[in-house]
Amino acid sequence: MEHGDDANWLDRPGNVRRLYLGLWVIGALLVVADLVVHRHAEVGFDGWFAFYGAYGFFACVALVLAAKRLRRAVMRPEDYYDR
């Protein structure tokens, strides 16, 4: 790829791989930090190890699954506005 190309930086597989690995490293560091950081839990279960990471992960999965179901409910035919 030449320097003059208007390609996005995410079009290069090497950059995508670095970004992906960087996110894994940051996530792993945050889980390790959870071992040493003292949190003041409001209720019992939010003091569990890696609770907020697991909660965020499952919340994102639930949002994606809800969006897939919602897409089926509101999707219109391709020629909907041409009628």
PDB file of N, CA and C in Angstrom:
ATOM      1  N   MET A   1       0.838  -1.168   0.000  1.00  0.00           N
ATOM      2  CA  MET A   1       0.000   0.000   0.000  1.00  0.00           C
ATOM      3  C   MET A   1       0.889   1.239   0.000  1.00  0.00           C
ATOM      4  N   GLU A   2       0.612   2.168  -0.867  1.00  0.00           N
ATOM      5  CA  GLU A   2       1.418   3.372  -0.960  1.00  0.00           C
ATOM      6  C   GLU A   2       0.987   4.397   0.068  1.00  0.00           C
ATOM      7  N   HIS A   3       1.865   5.379   0.281  1.00  0.00           N
ATOM      8  CA  HIS A   3       1.565   6.434   1.247  1.00  0.00           C
ATOM      9  C   HIS A   3       0.421   7.327   0.786  1.00  0.00           C
ATOM     10  N   GLY A   4       0.233   7.464  -0.509  1.00  0.00           N
ATOM     11  CA  GLY A   4      -0.790   8.356  -1.040  1.00  0.00           C
ATOM     12  C   GLY A   4      -2.188   7.773  -1.040  1.00  0.00           C
ATOM     13  N   ASP A   5      -2.325   6.499  -0.742  1.00  0.00           N
ATOM     14  CA  ASP A   5      -3.638   5.872  -0.732  1.00  0.00           C
ATOM     15  C   ASP A   5      -4.507   6.456   0.379  1.00  0.00           C
ATOM     16  N   ASP A   6      -5.807   6.519   0.129  1.00  0.00           N
ATOM     17  CA  ASP A   6      -6.740   7.026   1.123  1.00  0.00           C
ATOM     18  C   ASP A   6      -7.341   5.895   1.954  1.00  0.00           C
ATOM     19  N   ALA A   7      -6.580   4.844   2.146  1.00  0.00           N
ATOM     20  CA  ALA A   7      -7.086   3.691   2.895  1.00  0.00           C
ATOM     21  C   ALA A   7      -7.129   4.009   4.385  1.00  0.00           C
ATOM     22  N   ASN A   8      -8.093   3.438   5.038  1.00  0.00           N
ATOM     23  CA  ASN A   8      -8.231   3.586   6.482  1.00  0.00           C
ATOM     24  C   ASN A   8      -7.157   2.755   7.171  1.00  0.00           C
ATOM     25  N   TRP A   9      -6.727   3.167   8.359  1.00  0.00           N
ATOM     26  CA  TRP A   9      -5.677   2.432   9.060  1.00  0.00           C
ATOM     27  C   TRP A   9      -6.152   1.061   9.503  1.00  0.00           C
ATOM     28  N   LEU A  10      -7.458   0.866   9.610  1.00  0.00           N
ATOM     29  CA  LEU A  10      -7.983  -0.452   9.986  1.00  0.00           C
ATOM     30  C   LEU A  10      -8.078  -1.403   8.791  1.00  0.00           C
ATOM     31  N   ASP A  11      -7.777  -0.911   7.590  1.00  0.00           N
ATOM     32  CA  ASP A  11      -7.777  -1.790   6.420  1.00  0.00           C
ATOM     33  C   ASP A  11      -6.544  -2.676   6.373  1.00  0.00           C
ATOM     34  N   ARG A  12      -5.533  -2.359   7.157  1.00  0.00           N
ATOM     35  CA  ARG A  12      -4.310  -3.168   7.187  1.00  0.00           C
ATOM     36  C   ARG A  12      -4.445  -4.246   8.270  1.00  0.00           C
ATOM     37  N   PRO A  13      -4.310  -5.514   7.896  1.00  0.00           N
ATOM     38  CA  PRO A  13      -4.475  -6.603   8.869  1.00  0.00           C
ATOM     39  C   PRO A  13      -3.520  -6.505  10.059  1.00  0.00           C
ATOM     40  N   GLY A  14      -2.334  -5.989   9.855  1.00  0.00           N
ATOM     41  CA  GLY A  14      -1.382  -5.858  10.961  1.00  0.00           C
ATOM     42  C   GLY A  14      -1.885  -4.900  12.025  1.00  0.00           C
ATOM     43  N   ASN A  15      -2.510  -3.804  11.602  1.00  0.00           N
ATOM     44  CA  ASN A  15      -3.051  -2.843  12.565  1.00  0.00           C
ATOM     45  C   ASN A  15      -4.234  -3.423  13.333  1.00  0.00           C
ATOM     46  N   VAL A  16      -5.064  -4.189  12.654  1.00  0.00           N
ATOM     47  CA  VAL A  16      -6.207  -4.819  13.316  1.00  0.00           C
ATOM     48  C   VAL A  16      -5.709  -5.812  14.350  1.00  0.00           C
ATOM     49  N   ARG A  17      -4.685  -6.564  13.999  1.00  0.00           N
ATOM     50  CA  ARG A  17      -4.116  -7.539  14.939  1.00  0.00           C
ATOM     51  C   ARG A  17      -3.534  -6.836  16.160  1.00  0.00           C
ATOM     52  N   ARG A  18      -2.796  -5.734  15.943  1.00  0.00           N
ATOM     53  CA  ARG A  18      -2.226  -4.985  17.071  1.00  0.00           C
ATOM     54  C   ARG A  18      -3.311  -4.423  17.974  1.00  0.00           C
ATOM     55  N   LEU A  19      -4.373  -3.894  17.381  1.00  0.00           N
ATOM     56  CA  LEU A  19      -5.478  -3.353  18.164  1.00  0.00           C
ATOM     57  C   LEU A  19      -6.144  -4.453  18.986  1.00  0.00           C
ATOM     58  N   TYR A  20      -6.386  -5.588  18.357  1.00  0.00           N
ATOM     59  CA  TYR A  20      -7.006  -6.728  19.030  1.00  0.00           C
ATOM     60  C   TYR A  20      -6.149  -7.207  20.196  1.00  0.00           C
ATOM     61  N   LEU A  21      -4.848  -7.359  19.968  1.00  0.00           N
ATOM     62  CA  LEU A  21      -3.946  -7.801  21.038  1.00  0.00           C
ATOM     63  C   LEU A  21      -3.851  -6.746  22.139  1.00  0.00           C
ATOM     64  N   GLY A  22      -3.852  -5.482  21.760  1.00  0.00           N
ATOM     65  CA  GLY A  22      -3.806  -4.414  22.750  1.00  0.00           C
ATOM     66  C   GLY A  22      -5.021  -4.422  23.665  1.00  0.00           C
ATOM     67  N   LEU A  23      -6.181  -4.668  23.094  1.00  0.00           N
ATOM     68  CA  LEU A  23      -7.395  -4.746  23.908  1.00  0.00           C
ATOM     69  C   LEU A  23      -7.349  -5.935  24.867  1.00  0.00           C
ATOM     70  N   TRP A  24      -6.809  -7.057  24.416  1.00  0.00           N
ATOM     71  CA  TRP A  24      -6.654  -8.219  25.293  1.00  0.00           C
ATOM     72  C   TRP A  24      -5.692  -7.922  26.432  1.00  0.00           C
ATOM     73  N   VAL A  25      -4.591  -7.227  26.118  1.00  0.00           N
ATOM     74  CA  VAL A  25      -3.596  -6.898  27.147  1.00  0.00           C
ATOM     75  C   VAL A  25      -4.203  -5.949  28.179  1.00  0.00           C
ATOM     76  N   ILE A  26      -4.916  -4.924  27.716  1.00  0.00           N
ATOM     77  CA  ILE A  26      -5.557  -3.985  28.636  1.00  0.00           C
ATOM     78  C   ILE A  26      -6.573  -4.708  29.514  1.00  0.00           C
ATOM     79  N   GLY A  27      -7.372  -5.591  28.927  1.00  0.00           N
ATOM     80  CA  GLY A  27      -8.343  -6.355  29.700  1.00  0.00           C
ATOM     81  C   GLY A  27      -7.672  -7.238  30.740  1.00  0.00           C
ATOM     82  N   ALA A  28      -6.577  -7.897  30.361  1.00  0.00           N
ATOM     83  CA  ALA A  28      -5.854  -8.753  31.302  1.00  0.00           C
ATOM     84  C   ALA A  28      -5.255  -7.923  32.435  1.00  0.00           C
ATOM     85  N   LEU A  29      -4.714  -6.754  32.124  1.00  0.00           N
ATOM     86  CA  LEU A  29      -4.155  -5.886  33.160  1.00  0.00           C
ATOM     87  C   LEU A  29      -5.241  -5.409  34.123  1.00  0.00           C
ATOM     88  N   LEU A  30      -6.415  -5.122  33.605  1.00  0.00           N
ATOM     89  CA  LEU A  30      -7.508  -4.703  34.476  1.00  0.00           C
ATOM     90  C   LEU A  30      -7.973  -5.830  35.387  1.00  0.00           C
ATOM     91  N   VAL A  31      -7.968  -7.055  34.888  1.00  0.00           N
ATOM     92  CA  VAL A  31      -8.339  -8.194  35.737  1.00  0.00           C
ATOM     93  C   VAL A  31      -7.276  -8.401  36.816  1.00  0.00           C
ATOM     94  N   VAL A  32      -5.997  -8.252  36.450  1.00  0.00           N
ATOM     95  CA  VAL A  32      -4.929  -8.372  37.442  1.00  0.00           C
ATOM     96  C   VAL A  32      -5.039  -7.244  38.469  1.00  0.00           C
ATOM     97  N   ALA A  33      -5.372  -6.038  38.016  1.00  0.00           N
ATOM     98  CA  ALA A  33      -5.537  -4.918  38.943  1.00  0.00           C
ATOM     99  C   ALA A  33      -6.681  -5.169  39.916  1.00  0.00           C
ATOM    100  N   ASP A  34      -7.639  -5.952  39.508  1.00  0.00           N
ATOM    101  CA  ASP A  34      -8.769  -6.272  40.393  1.00  0.00           C
ATOM    102  C   ASP A  34      -8.314  -7.082  41.605  1.00  0.00           C
ATOM    103  N   LEU A  35      -7.168  -7.742  41.489  1.00  0.00           N
ATOM    104  CA  LEU A  35      -6.629  -8.504  42.616  1.00  0.00           C
ATOM    105  C   LEU A  35      -6.057  -7.597  43.704  1.00  0.00           C
ATOM    106  N   VAL A  36      -5.571  -6.412  43.325  1.00  0.00           N
ATOM    107  CA  VAL A  36      -4.877  -5.560  44.288  1.00  0.00           C
ATOM    108  C   VAL A  36      -5.662  -4.314  44.686  1.00  0.00           C
ATOM    109  N   VAL A  37      -6.654  -3.934  43.916  1.00  0.00           N
ATOM    110  CA  VAL A  37      -7.422  -2.731  44.215  1.00  0.00           C
ATOM    111  C   VAL A  37      -8.569  -3.090  45.155  1.00  0.00           C
ATOM    112  N   HIS A  38      -8.661  -2.350  46.247  1.00  0.00           N
ATOM    113  CA  HIS A  38      -9.748  -2.585  47.199  1.00  0.00           C
ATOM    114  C   HIS A  38     -10.961  -1.766  46.776  1.00  0.00           C
ATOM    115  N   ARG A  39     -12.072  -2.448  46.554  1.00  0.00           N
ATOM    116  CA  ARG A  39     -13.317  -1.761  46.182  1.00  0.00           C
ATOM    117  C   ARG A  39     -14.267  -1.791  47.353  1.00  0.00           C
ATOM    118  N   HIS A  40     -15.038  -0.735  47.504  1.00  0.00           N
ATOM    119  CA  HIS A  40     -16.043  -0.670  48.557  1.00  0.00           C
ATOM    120  C   HIS A  40     -17.366  -1.141  47.964  1.00  0.00           C
ATOM    121  N   ALA A  41     -17.685  -2.390  48.176  1.00  0.00           N
ATOM    122  CA  ALA A  41     -18.868  -2.995  47.578  1.00  0.00           C
ATOM    123  C   ALA A  41     -20.130  -2.470  48.260  1.00  0.00           C
ATOM    124  N   GLU A  42     -21.096  -2.090  47.441  1.00  0.00           N
ATOM    125  CA  GLU A  42     -22.393  -1.635  47.956  1.00  0.00           C
ATOM    126  C   GLU A  42     -23.253  -2.821  48.390  1.00  0.00           C
ATOM    127  N   VAL A  43     -23.266  -3.841  47.558  1.00  0.00           N
ATOM    128  CA  VAL A  43     -23.982  -5.077  47.883  1.00  0.00           C
ATOM    129  C   VAL A  43     -22.957  -6.206  47.818  1.00  0.00           C
ATOM    130  N   GLY A  44     -23.320  -7.389  48.251  1.00  0.00           N
ATOM    131  CA  GLY A  44     -22.353  -8.468  48.360  1.00  0.00           C
ATOM    132  C   GLY A  44     -21.702  -8.908  47.066  1.00  0.00           C
ATOM    133  N   PHE A  45     -22.488  -9.057  46.016  1.00  0.00           N
ATOM    134  CA  PHE A  45     -21.948  -9.658  44.800  1.00  0.00           C
ATOM    135  C   PHE A  45     -21.078  -8.718  43.982  1.00  0.00           C
ATOM    136  N   ASP A  46     -21.164  -7.401  44.158  1.00  0.00           N
ATOM    137  CA  ASP A  46     -20.314  -6.519  43.363  1.00  0.00           C
ATOM    138  C   ASP A  46     -18.891  -6.447  43.907  1.00  0.00           C
ATOM    139  N   GLY A  47     -18.613  -7.169  44.965  1.00  0.00           N
ATOM    140  CA  GLY A  47     -17.262  -7.283  45.474  1.00  0.00           C
ATOM    141  C   GLY A  47     -16.542  -8.519  44.964  1.00  0.00           C
ATOM    142  N   TRP A  48     -17.230  -9.370  44.216  1.00  0.00           N
ATOM    143  CA  TRP A  48     -16.614 -10.574  43.670  1.00  0.00           C
ATOM    144  C   TRP A  48     -15.505 -10.228  42.695  1.00  0.00           C
ATOM    145  N   PHE A  49     -14.589 -11.142  42.534  1.00  0.00           N
ATOM    146  CA  PHE A  49     -13.473 -10.963  41.603  1.00  0.00           C
ATOM    147  C   PHE A  49     -13.978 -10.843  40.168  1.00  0.00           C
ATOM    148  N   ALA A  50     -13.557  -9.811  39.467  1.00  0.00           N
ATOM    149  CA  ALA A  50     -13.868  -9.546  38.054  1.00  0.00           C
ATOM    150  C   ALA A  50     -15.371  -9.418  37.796  1.00  0.00           C
ATOM    151  N   PHE A  51     -16.127  -8.989  38.793  1.00  0.00           N
ATOM    152  CA  PHE A  51     -17.575  -8.862  38.629  1.00  0.00           C
ATOM    153  C   PHE A  51     -17.930  -7.869  37.529  1.00  0.00           C
ATOM    154  N   TYR A  52     -17.308  -6.699  37.548  1.00  0.00           N
ATOM    155  CA  TYR A  52     -17.689  -5.661  36.599  1.00  0.00           C
ATOM    156  C   TYR A  52     -17.308  -6.018  35.157  1.00  0.00           C
ATOM    157  N   GLY A  53     -16.213  -6.724  34.981  1.00  0.00           N
ATOM    158  CA  GLY A  53     -15.845  -7.183  33.646  1.00  0.00           C
ATOM    159  C   GLY A  53     -16.839  -8.199  33.105  1.00  0.00           C
ATOM    160  N   ALA A  54     -17.221  -9.149  33.958  1.00  0.00           N
ATOM    161  CA  ALA A  54     -18.204 -10.161  33.541  1.00  0.00           C
ATOM    162  C   ALA A  54     -19.562  -9.519  33.294  1.00  0.00           C
ATOM    163  N   TYR A  55     -19.945  -8.591  34.163  1.00  0.00           N
ATOM    164  CA  TYR A  55     -21.222  -7.892  33.997  1.00  0.00           C
ATOM    165  C   TYR A  55     -21.255  -7.127  32.675  1.00  0.00           C
ATOM    166  N   GLY A  56     -20.183  -6.418  32.369  1.00  0.00           N
ATOM    167  CA  GLY A  56     -20.105  -5.678  31.110  1.00  0.00           C
ATOM    168  C   GLY A  56     -20.151  -6.595  29.904  1.00  0.00           C
ATOM    169  N   PHE A  57     -19.440  -7.715  29.968  1.00  0.00           N
ATOM    170  CA  PHE A  57     -19.430  -8.667  28.854  1.00  0.00           C
ATOM    171  C   PHE A  57     -20.824  -9.223  28.596  1.00  0.00           C
ATOM    172  N   PHE A  58     -21.484  -9.686  29.663  1.00  0.00           N
ATOM    173  CA  PHE A  58     -22.811 -10.273  29.482  1.00  0.00           C
ATOM    174  C   PHE A  58     -23.844  -9.216  29.083  1.00  0.00           C
ATOM    175  N   ALA A  59     -23.678  -7.986  29.535  1.00  0.00           N
ATOM    176  CA  ALA A  59     -24.578  -6.915  29.126  1.00  0.00           C
ATOM    177  C   ALA A  59     -24.424  -6.623  27.632  1.00  0.00           C
ATOM    178  N   CYS A  60     -23.196  -6.623  27.134  1.00  0.00           N
ATOM    179  CA  CYS A  60     -22.971  -6.395  25.696  1.00  0.00           C
ATOM    180  C   CYS A  60     -23.547  -7.534  24.857  1.00  0.00           C
ATOM    181  N   VAL A  61     -23.364  -8.759  25.310  1.00  0.00           N
ATOM    182  CA  VAL A  61     -23.936  -9.905  24.595  1.00  0.00           C
ATOM    183  C   VAL A  61     -25.455  -9.806  24.575  1.00  0.00           C
ATOM    184  N   ALA A  62     -26.053  -9.414  25.696  1.00  0.00           N
ATOM    185  CA  ALA A  62     -27.513  -9.268  25.755  1.00  0.00           C
ATOM    186  C   ALA A  62     -27.988  -8.163  24.812  1.00  0.00           C
ATOM    187  N   LEU A  63     -27.240  -7.060  24.712  1.00  0.00           N
ATOM    188  CA  LEU A  63     -27.615  -5.979  23.801  1.00  0.00           C
ATOM    189  C   LEU A  63     -27.562  -6.428  22.342  1.00  0.00           C
ATOM    190  N   VAL A  64     -26.538  -7.192  21.992  1.00  0.00           N
ATOM    191  CA  VAL A  64     -26.425  -7.676  20.607  1.00  0.00           C
ATOM    192  C   VAL A  64     -27.573  -8.624  20.286  1.00  0.00           C
ATOM    193  N   LEU A  65     -27.886  -9.532  21.200  1.00  0.00           N
ATOM    194  CA  LEU A  65     -28.987 -10.465  20.956  1.00  0.00           C
ATOM    195  C   LEU A  65     -30.331  -9.746  20.889  1.00  0.00           C
ATOM    196  N   ALA A  66     -30.525  -8.741  21.739  1.00  0.00           N
ATOM    197  CA  ALA A  66     -31.766  -7.950  21.691  1.00  0.00           C
ATOM    198  C   ALA A  66     -31.858  -7.169  20.386  1.00  0.00           C
ATOM    199  N   ALA A  67     -30.733  -6.643  19.915  1.00  0.00           N
ATOM    200  CA  ALA A  67     -30.738  -5.894  18.661  1.00  0.00           C
ATOM    201  C   ALA A  67     -31.065  -6.803  17.479  1.00  0.00           C
ATOM    202  N   LYS A  68     -30.600  -8.042  17.505  1.00  0.00           N
ATOM    203  CA  LYS A  68     -30.932  -8.980  16.430  1.00  0.00           C
ATOM    204  C   LYS A  68     -32.430  -9.257  16.389  1.00  0.00           C
ATOM    205  N   ARG A  69     -33.040  -9.414  17.558  1.00  0.00           N
ATOM    206  CA  ARG A  69     -34.493  -9.654  17.607  1.00  0.00           C
ATOM    207  C   ARG A  69     -35.269  -8.407  17.190  1.00  0.00           C
ATOM    208  N   LEU A  70     -34.795  -7.254  17.621  1.00  0.00           N
ATOM    209  CA  LEU A  70     -35.454  -6.001  17.272  1.00  0.00           C
ATOM    210  C   LEU A  70     -35.349  -5.738  15.768  1.00  0.00           C
ATOM    211  N   ARG A  71     -34.227  -6.120  15.170  1.00  0.00           N
ATOM    212  CA  ARG A  71     -34.060  -5.943  13.718  1.00  0.00           C
ATOM    213  C   ARG A  71     -35.138  -6.703  12.951  1.00  0.00           C
ATOM    214  N   ARG A  72     -35.417  -7.925  13.396  1.00  0.00           N
ATOM    215  CA  ARG A  72     -36.466  -8.700  12.727  1.00  0.00           C
ATOM    216  C   ARG A  72     -37.829  -8.039  12.877  1.00  0.00           C
ATOM    217  N   ALA A  73     -38.065  -7.385  14.001  1.00  0.00           N
ATOM    218  CA  ALA A  73     -39.368  -6.775  14.258  1.00  0.00           C
ATOM    219  C   ALA A  73     -39.584  -5.495  13.454  1.00  0.00           C
ATOM    220  N   VAL A  74     -38.530  -4.726  13.214  1.00  0.00           N
ATOM    221  CA  VAL A  74     -38.703  -3.426  12.551  1.00  0.00           C
ATOM    222  C   VAL A  74     -38.189  -3.410  11.114  1.00  0.00           C
ATOM    223  N   MET A  75     -37.637  -4.502  10.623  1.00  0.00           N
ATOM    224  CA  MET A  75     -37.088  -4.529   9.273  1.00  0.00           C
ATOM    225  C   MET A  75     -38.193  -4.418   8.230  1.00  0.00           C
ATOM    226  N   ARG A  76     -37.928  -3.633   7.228  1.00  0.00           N
ATOM    227  CA  ARG A  76     -38.866  -3.434   6.126  1.00  0.00           C
ATOM    228  C   ARG A  76     -38.272  -4.010   4.843  1.00  0.00           C
ATOM    229  N   PRO A  77     -39.132  -4.308   3.856  1.00  0.00           N
ATOM    230  CA  PRO A  77     -38.583  -4.796   2.572  1.00  0.00           C
ATOM    231  C   PRO A  77     -37.690  -3.746   1.923  1.00  0.00           C
ATOM    232  N   GLU A  78     -36.818  -4.202   1.025  1.00  0.00           N
ATOM    233  CA  GLU A  78     -35.861  -3.316   0.403  1.00  0.00           C
ATOM    234  C   GLU A  78     -36.522  -2.188  -0.390  1.00  0.00           C
ATOM    235  N   ASP A  79     -37.669  -2.467  -0.998  1.00  0.00           N
ATOM    236  CA  ASP A  79     -38.351  -1.453  -1.800  1.00  0.00           C
ATOM    237  C   ASP A  79     -39.458  -0.739  -1.035  1.00  0.00           C
ATOM    238  N   TYR A  80     -39.365  -0.683   0.278  1.00  0.00           N
ATOM    239  CA  TYR A  80     -40.416  -0.121   1.122  1.00  0.00           C
ATOM    240  C   TYR A  80     -40.701   1.340   0.770  1.00  0.00           C
ATOM    241  N   TYR A  81     -39.678   2.154   0.554  1.00  0.00           N
ATOM    242  CA  TYR A  81     -39.888   3.563   0.285  1.00  0.00           C
ATOM    243  C   TYR A  81     -40.171   3.845  -1.183  1.00  0.00           C
ATOM    244  N   ASP A  82     -39.959   2.884  -2.066  1.00  0.00           N
ATOM    245  CA  ASP A  82     -40.241   3.070  -3.493  1.00  0.00           C
ATOM    246  C   ASP A  82     -41.708   2.868  -3.825  1.00  0.00           C
ATOM    247  N   ARG A  83     -42.469   2.318  -2.920  1.00  0.00           N
ATOM    248  CA  ARG A  83     -43.885   2.063  -3.186  1.00  0.00           C
ATOM    249  C   ARG A  83     -44.693   3.326  -3.185  1.00  0.00           C
TER     250      ARG A  83
END
